[in-house]
Each structure stands twice: as structure tokens, then as C-alpha cells.
Amino acid sequence: GKNGIGYKIWSWVYSTLTGSESSAGGRIERWTEAFEIAINNPLGLGFGHVGSLARGSDHYYSCENSYLAMVIDFGFLGAVLYVGFLIGLCVKIRNYRILLKQNGQDFKSRMCAGAICVIIYYMVAMFFSNYIHGIEAMSVMYLFVGITIAVVNTDFSKRQ
């Protein structure tokens, strides 16, 4: 329904992509410029061109997209490796969740589901803002995921 979180996230994504959201003003132009820089520099430019590190620089790009920021900084390979790492975390936690659910450990299984949701939310939010250079969102995500893996690993390390 219209009160559900899925609908609200979809509305947010749709209004951002169509430019009807108030905070989306100029975002498409920034994405286009950043995409052109990324295409012209497939190995990346290095640090100092995107985010707070680049403020005041002659070559500052405000791309408003963490994936484009990673491509500009690290190149396509660096961005693919980081995204692959996040997807790998999701797969690992999903496998833990399946095993925990089979063993009847519902609380830890739900912790795993929550960690997966946090990673997916973070990955979606990265598309619409430059969170890769912000420590706050990344810290909360890794803290929750790290605690989940630590709690779950205590079960699996006892068995070996």
C-alpha cells in the first residue's frame, strides 16, 4: 500500500530520477558530468577530485552518486571490487541465515535478515548521494553488519 516502506522507497527513487523531488535539482546534470569523467578516465583520477577532500580544488566534481565517485576515484575496477565486496557480504550473511533458520535460531536469523536489509538500503542510498566519502552512514552500516557477523560466528566457531 501507499504506507508501506517499499512504496515509499519506490516513490523516492522515481521522483529523484524524474527530477520532481526538491533535492534532485541539478542531480541529473551532475551525474552526466561525472559519467563523462568516468568514461574518459576508466582507471580513475585518484583521491582529491570528489567529496570533501576535493573542496577548493580546481578539479572538483560534485557527482551526488557514490558509485560514480568510486569510479572517478578508483576507476571501474575499484568500484566493481567494492560493490562485489558488499554483495559478497550479503551472500555470506544469507548463507548464515539459512543455517540458523534450519537450526531454529530465529533471533540470530532475524539479525542476519536485518544486516542484509541494512546493506541493501546503504547500496540504494549510495546511488542518490555521495555516502562513500561520508563516515557516518558507512560506520553505522559496518557496525551493524560486524556485530551481526560476530554474534553469528560464535555459533559456528563452537561447532568446529
C-alpha atoms as a PDB file:
ATOM      1  CA  GLY A   1       0.000   0.000   0.000  1.00  0.00           C
ATOM      2  CA  LYS A   2       0.892   3.649  -0.021  1.00  0.00           C
ATOM      3  CA  ASN A   3       2.024   3.481   3.609  1.00  0.00           C
ATOM      4  CA  GLY A   4       4.447   0.618   3.013  1.00  0.00           C
ATOM      5  CA  ILE A   5       8.198   1.121   3.007  1.00  0.00           C
ATOM      6  CA  GLY A   6       8.573  -0.447  -0.450  1.00  0.00           C
ATOM      7  CA  TYR A   7       6.158   2.068  -1.938  1.00  0.00           C
ATOM      8  CA  LYS A   8       7.879   4.973  -0.205  1.00  0.00           C
ATOM      9  CA  ILE A   9      11.326   3.896  -1.431  1.00  0.00           C
ATOM     10  CA  TRP A  10       9.991   3.433  -4.961  1.00  0.00           C
ATOM     11  CA  SER A  11       8.364   6.898  -4.821  1.00  0.00           C
ATOM     12  CA  TRP A  12      11.663   8.387  -3.668  1.00  0.00           C
ATOM     13  CA  VAL A  13      13.604   6.685  -6.468  1.00  0.00           C
ATOM     14  CA  TYR A  14      11.007   7.635  -9.090  1.00  0.00           C
ATOM     15  CA  SER A  15      10.794  11.286  -8.026  1.00  0.00           C
ATOM     16  CA  THR A  16      14.595  11.553  -7.984  1.00  0.00           C
ATOM     17  CA  LEU A  17      15.010  10.029 -11.439  1.00  0.00           C
ATOM     18  CA  THR A  18      12.291  12.218 -12.925  1.00  0.00           C
ATOM     19  CA  GLY A  19      13.692  15.351 -11.224  1.00  0.00           C
ATOM     20  CA  SER A  20      10.435  16.125  -9.427  1.00  0.00           C
ATOM     21  CA  GLU A  21      11.937  15.783  -5.937  1.00  0.00           C
ATOM     22  CA  SER A  22      13.099  19.112  -4.463  1.00  0.00           C
ATOM     23  CA  SER A  23      16.535  17.781  -3.518  1.00  0.00           C
ATOM     24  CA  ALA A  24      17.063  16.354  -7.018  1.00  0.00           C
ATOM     25  CA  GLY A  25      17.565  19.749  -8.581  1.00  0.00           C
ATOM     26  CA  GLY A  26      20.562  19.578 -10.874  1.00  0.00           C
ATOM     27  CA  ARG A  27      21.357  15.986  -9.950  1.00  0.00           C
ATOM     28  CA  ILE A  28      20.949  14.610 -13.484  1.00  0.00           C
ATOM     29  CA  GLU A  29      23.409  17.202 -14.813  1.00  0.00           C
ATOM     30  CA  ARG A  30      25.917  16.275 -12.105  1.00  0.00           C
ATOM     31  CA  TRP A  31      25.512  12.570 -12.885  1.00  0.00           C
ATOM     32  CA  THR A  32      26.001  13.255 -16.600  1.00  0.00           C
ATOM     33  CA  GLU A  33      29.191  15.241 -15.984  1.00  0.00           C
ATOM     34  CA  ALA A  34      30.548  12.602 -13.585  1.00  0.00           C
ATOM     35  CA  PHE A  35      29.693   9.804 -16.022  1.00  0.00           C
ATOM     36  CA  GLU A  36      31.605  11.561 -18.793  1.00  0.00           C
ATOM     37  CA  ILE A  37      34.630  11.971 -16.489  1.00  0.00           C
ATOM     38  CA  ALA A  38      34.393   8.278 -15.548  1.00  0.00           C
ATOM     39  CA  ILE A  39      34.183   7.152 -19.182  1.00  0.00           C
ATOM     40  CA  ASN A  40      37.174   9.313 -20.127  1.00  0.00           C
ATOM     41  CA  ASN A  41      39.217   8.024 -17.140  1.00  0.00           C
ATOM     42  CA  PRO A  42      38.447   4.296 -16.733  1.00  0.00           C
ATOM     43  CA  LEU A  43      41.377   3.815 -14.323  1.00  0.00           C
ATOM     44  CA  GLY A  44      40.216   6.699 -12.125  1.00  0.00           C
ATOM     45  CA  LEU A  45      41.760  10.019 -11.209  1.00  0.00           C
ATOM     46  CA  GLY A  46      42.779   9.157  -7.637  1.00  0.00           C
ATOM     47  CA  PHE A  47      41.665  10.884  -4.449  1.00  0.00           C
ATOM     48  CA  GLY A  48      41.071  14.601  -4.326  1.00  0.00           C
ATOM     49  CA  HIS A  49      38.521  15.092  -7.097  1.00  0.00           C
ATOM     50  CA  VAL A  50      35.223  14.100  -5.408  1.00  0.00           C
ATOM     51  CA  GLY A  51      33.755  14.791  -1.992  1.00  0.00           C
ATOM     52  CA  SER A  52      35.068  16.835   0.912  1.00  0.00           C
ATOM     53  CA  LEU A  53      38.701  16.080   0.032  1.00  0.00           C
ATOM     54  CA  ALA A  54      38.290  17.976  -3.216  1.00  0.00           C
ATOM     55  CA  ARG A  55      36.601  21.134  -1.972  1.00  0.00           C
ATOM     56  CA  GLY A  56      38.579  24.142  -3.128  1.00  0.00           C
ATOM     57  CA  SER A  57      40.366  22.101  -5.790  1.00  0.00           C
ATOM     58  CA  ASP A  58      40.485  23.189  -9.412  1.00  0.00           C
ATOM     59  CA  HIS A  59      39.127  19.790 -10.491  1.00  0.00           C
ATOM     60  CA  TYR A  60      36.186  19.260  -8.119  1.00  0.00           C
ATOM     61  CA  TYR A  61      33.319  17.019  -9.247  1.00  0.00           C
ATOM     62  CA  SER A  62      30.080  17.022  -7.263  1.00  0.00           C
ATOM     63  CA  CYS A  63      28.579  13.837  -8.642  1.00  0.00           C
ATOM     64  CA  GLU A  64      25.960  13.089  -5.916  1.00  0.00           C
ATOM     65  CA  ASN A  65      26.367   9.352  -6.529  1.00  0.00           C
ATOM     66  CA  SER A  66      28.747   7.110  -4.592  1.00  0.00           C
ATOM     67  CA  TYR A  67      29.198   4.689  -7.470  1.00  0.00           C
ATOM     68  CA  LEU A  68      30.266   7.462  -9.838  1.00  0.00           C
ATOM     69  CA  ALA A  69      32.505   8.865  -7.095  1.00  0.00           C
ATOM     70  CA  MET A  70      34.195   5.466  -6.745  1.00  0.00           C
ATOM     71  CA  VAL A  71      34.716   5.212 -10.496  1.00  0.00           C
ATOM     72  CA  ILE A  72      36.215   8.703 -10.590  1.00  0.00           C
ATOM     73  CA  ASP A  73      38.486   7.927  -7.609  1.00  0.00           C
ATOM     74  CA  PHE A  74      39.345   4.231  -8.093  1.00  0.00           C
ATOM     75  CA  GLY A  75      38.365   3.500 -11.667  1.00  0.00           C
ATOM     76  CA  PHE A  76      35.859   0.919 -12.828  1.00  0.00           C
ATOM     77  CA  LEU A  77      37.810  -1.971 -11.313  1.00  0.00           C
ATOM     78  CA  GLY A  78      37.878  -0.363  -7.873  1.00  0.00           C
ATOM     79  CA  ALA A  79      34.143   0.327  -7.955  1.00  0.00           C
ATOM     80  CA  VAL A  80      33.358  -3.225  -9.095  1.00  0.00           C
ATOM     81  CA  LEU A  81      35.554  -4.675  -6.337  1.00  0.00           C
ATOM     82  CA  TYR A  82      33.838  -2.609  -3.634  1.00  0.00           C
ATOM     83  CA  VAL A  83      30.340  -3.440  -4.873  1.00  0.00           C
ATOM     84  CA  GLY A  84      31.403  -7.096  -5.169  1.00  0.00           C
ATOM     85  CA  PHE A  85      32.561  -6.964  -1.546  1.00  0.00           C
ATOM     86  CA  LEU A  86      29.149  -5.676  -0.421  1.00  0.00           C
ATOM     87  CA  ILE A  87      27.329  -8.327  -2.466  1.00  0.00           C
ATOM     88  CA  GLY A  88      29.679 -10.971  -1.048  1.00  0.00           C
ATOM     89  CA  LEU A  89      28.765  -9.831   2.475  1.00  0.00           C
ATOM     90  CA  CYS A  90      25.083 -10.218   1.616  1.00  0.00           C
ATOM     91  CA  VAL A  91      25.656 -13.731   0.263  1.00  0.00           C
ATOM     92  CA  LYS A  92      27.692 -14.766   3.311  1.00  0.00           C
ATOM     93  CA  ILE A  93      25.091 -13.426   5.731  1.00  0.00           C
ATOM     94  CA  ARG A  94      22.266 -15.033   3.724  1.00  0.00           C
ATOM     95  CA  ASN A  95      24.022 -18.407   3.982  1.00  0.00           C
ATOM     96  CA  TYR A  96      24.376 -17.907   7.748  1.00  0.00           C
ATOM     97  CA  ARG A  97      20.689 -17.001   7.914  1.00  0.00           C
ATOM     98  CA  ILE A  98      19.663 -20.207   6.138  1.00  0.00           C
ATOM     99  CA  LEU A  99      21.737 -22.345   8.506  1.00  0.00           C
ATOM    100  CA  LEU A 100      20.460 -20.522  11.586  1.00  0.00           C
ATOM    101  CA  LYS A 101      16.858 -20.836  10.445  1.00  0.00           C
ATOM    102  CA  GLN A 102      17.333 -24.582   9.927  1.00  0.00           C
ATOM    103  CA  ASN A 103      18.724 -24.843  13.466  1.00  0.00           C
ATOM    104  CA  GLY A 104      15.738 -22.973  14.921  1.00  0.00           C
ATOM    105  CA  GLN A 105      17.682 -19.879  15.970  1.00  0.00           C
ATOM    106  CA  ASP A 106      15.116 -17.303  14.940  1.00  0.00           C
ATOM    107  CA  PHE A 107      16.635 -14.288  16.688  1.00  0.00           C
ATOM    108  CA  LYS A 108      20.023 -14.666  15.019  1.00  0.00           C
ATOM    109  CA  SER A 109      18.319 -15.445  11.727  1.00  0.00           C
ATOM    110  CA  ARG A 110      16.407 -12.171  12.018  1.00  0.00           C
ATOM    111  CA  MET A 111      19.654 -10.363  12.840  1.00  0.00           C
ATOM    112  CA  CYS A 112      21.050 -11.680   9.572  1.00  0.00           C
ATOM    113  CA  ALA A 113      17.953 -10.523   7.696  1.00  0.00           C
ATOM    114  CA  GLY A 114      18.354  -7.085   9.269  1.00  0.00           C
ATOM    115  CA  ALA A 115      22.024  -6.919   8.255  1.00  0.00           C
ATOM    116  CA  ILE A 116      21.131  -7.783   4.670  1.00  0.00           C
ATOM    117  CA  CYS A 117      18.439  -5.076   4.659  1.00  0.00           C
ATOM    118  CA  VAL A 118      20.904  -2.510   6.018  1.00  0.00           C
ATOM    119  CA  ILE A 119      23.439  -3.352   3.292  1.00  0.00           C
ATOM    120  CA  ILE A 120      20.802  -3.174   0.556  1.00  0.00           C
ATOM    121  CA  TYR A 121      19.460   0.119   1.904  1.00  0.00           C
ATOM    122  CA  TYR A 122      23.001   1.506   2.024  1.00  0.00           C
ATOM    123  CA  MET A 123      23.619   0.417  -1.571  1.00  0.00           C
ATOM    124  CA  VAL A 124      20.400   2.103  -2.732  1.00  0.00           C
ATOM    125  CA  ALA A 125      21.178   5.276  -0.785  1.00  0.00           C
ATOM    126  CA  MET A 126      24.674   5.333  -2.318  1.00  0.00           C
ATOM    127  CA  PHE A 127      23.059   5.770  -5.717  1.00  0.00           C
ATOM    128  CA  PHE A 128      21.457   9.038  -4.643  1.00  0.00           C
ATOM    129  CA  SER A 129      24.181  10.624  -2.547  1.00  0.00           C
ATOM    130  CA  ASN A 130      27.909  10.658  -2.024  1.00  0.00           C
ATOM    131  CA  TYR A 131      27.970   8.412   1.065  1.00  0.00           C
ATOM    132  CA  ILE A 132      31.224   6.722   0.070  1.00  0.00           C
ATOM    133  CA  HIS A 133      33.133   9.762   1.357  1.00  0.00           C
ATOM    134  CA  GLY A 134      30.938  10.216   4.432  1.00  0.00           C
ATOM    135  CA  ILE A 135      31.895   8.263   7.515  1.00  0.00           C
ATOM    136  CA  GLU A 136      28.516   8.396   9.279  1.00  0.00           C
ATOM    137  CA  ALA A 137      26.346   6.165   7.071  1.00  0.00           C
ATOM    138  CA  MET A 138      29.183   3.781   6.310  1.00  0.00           C
ATOM    139  CA  SER A 139      30.099   3.439  10.006  1.00  0.00           C
ATOM    140  CA  VAL A 140      26.562   2.585  11.075  1.00  0.00           C
ATOM    141  CA  MET A 141      26.220   0.010   8.290  1.00  0.00           C
ATOM    142  CA  TYR A 142      29.545  -1.702   9.011  1.00  0.00           C
ATOM    143  CA  LEU A 143      28.950  -1.580  12.772  1.00  0.00           C
ATOM    144  CA  PHE A 144      25.605  -3.367  12.465  1.00  0.00           C
ATOM    145  CA  VAL A 145      26.937  -5.894   9.942  1.00  0.00           C
ATOM    146  CA  GLY A 146      30.083  -6.504  12.004  1.00  0.00           C
ATOM    147  CA  ILE A 147      28.132  -7.115  15.213  1.00  0.00           C
ATOM    148  CA  THR A 148      25.809  -9.488  13.359  1.00  0.00           C
ATOM    149  CA  ILE A 149      28.686 -11.495  11.894  1.00  0.00           C
ATOM    150  CA  ALA A 150      30.469 -11.594  15.278  1.00  0.00           C
ATOM    151  CA  VAL A 151      27.354 -12.866  17.078  1.00  0.00           C
ATOM    152  CA  VAL A 152      26.619 -15.431  14.376  1.00  0.00           C
ATOM    153  CA  ASN A 153      30.234 -16.612  14.119  1.00  0.00           C
ATOM    154  CA  THR A 154      30.236 -17.585  17.800  1.00  0.00           C
ATOM    155  CA  ASP A 155      27.736 -20.322  16.931  1.00  0.00           C
ATOM    156  CA  PHE A 156      29.711 -21.645  14.026  1.00  0.00           C
ATOM    157  CA  SER A 157      33.121 -21.481  15.721  1.00  0.00           C
ATOM    158  CA  LYS A 158      31.827 -23.613  18.648  1.00  0.00           C
ATOM    159  CA  ARG A 159      30.958 -26.446  16.261  1.00  0.00           C
ATOM    160  CA  GLN A 160      34.419 -26.740  14.728  1.00  0.00           C
END
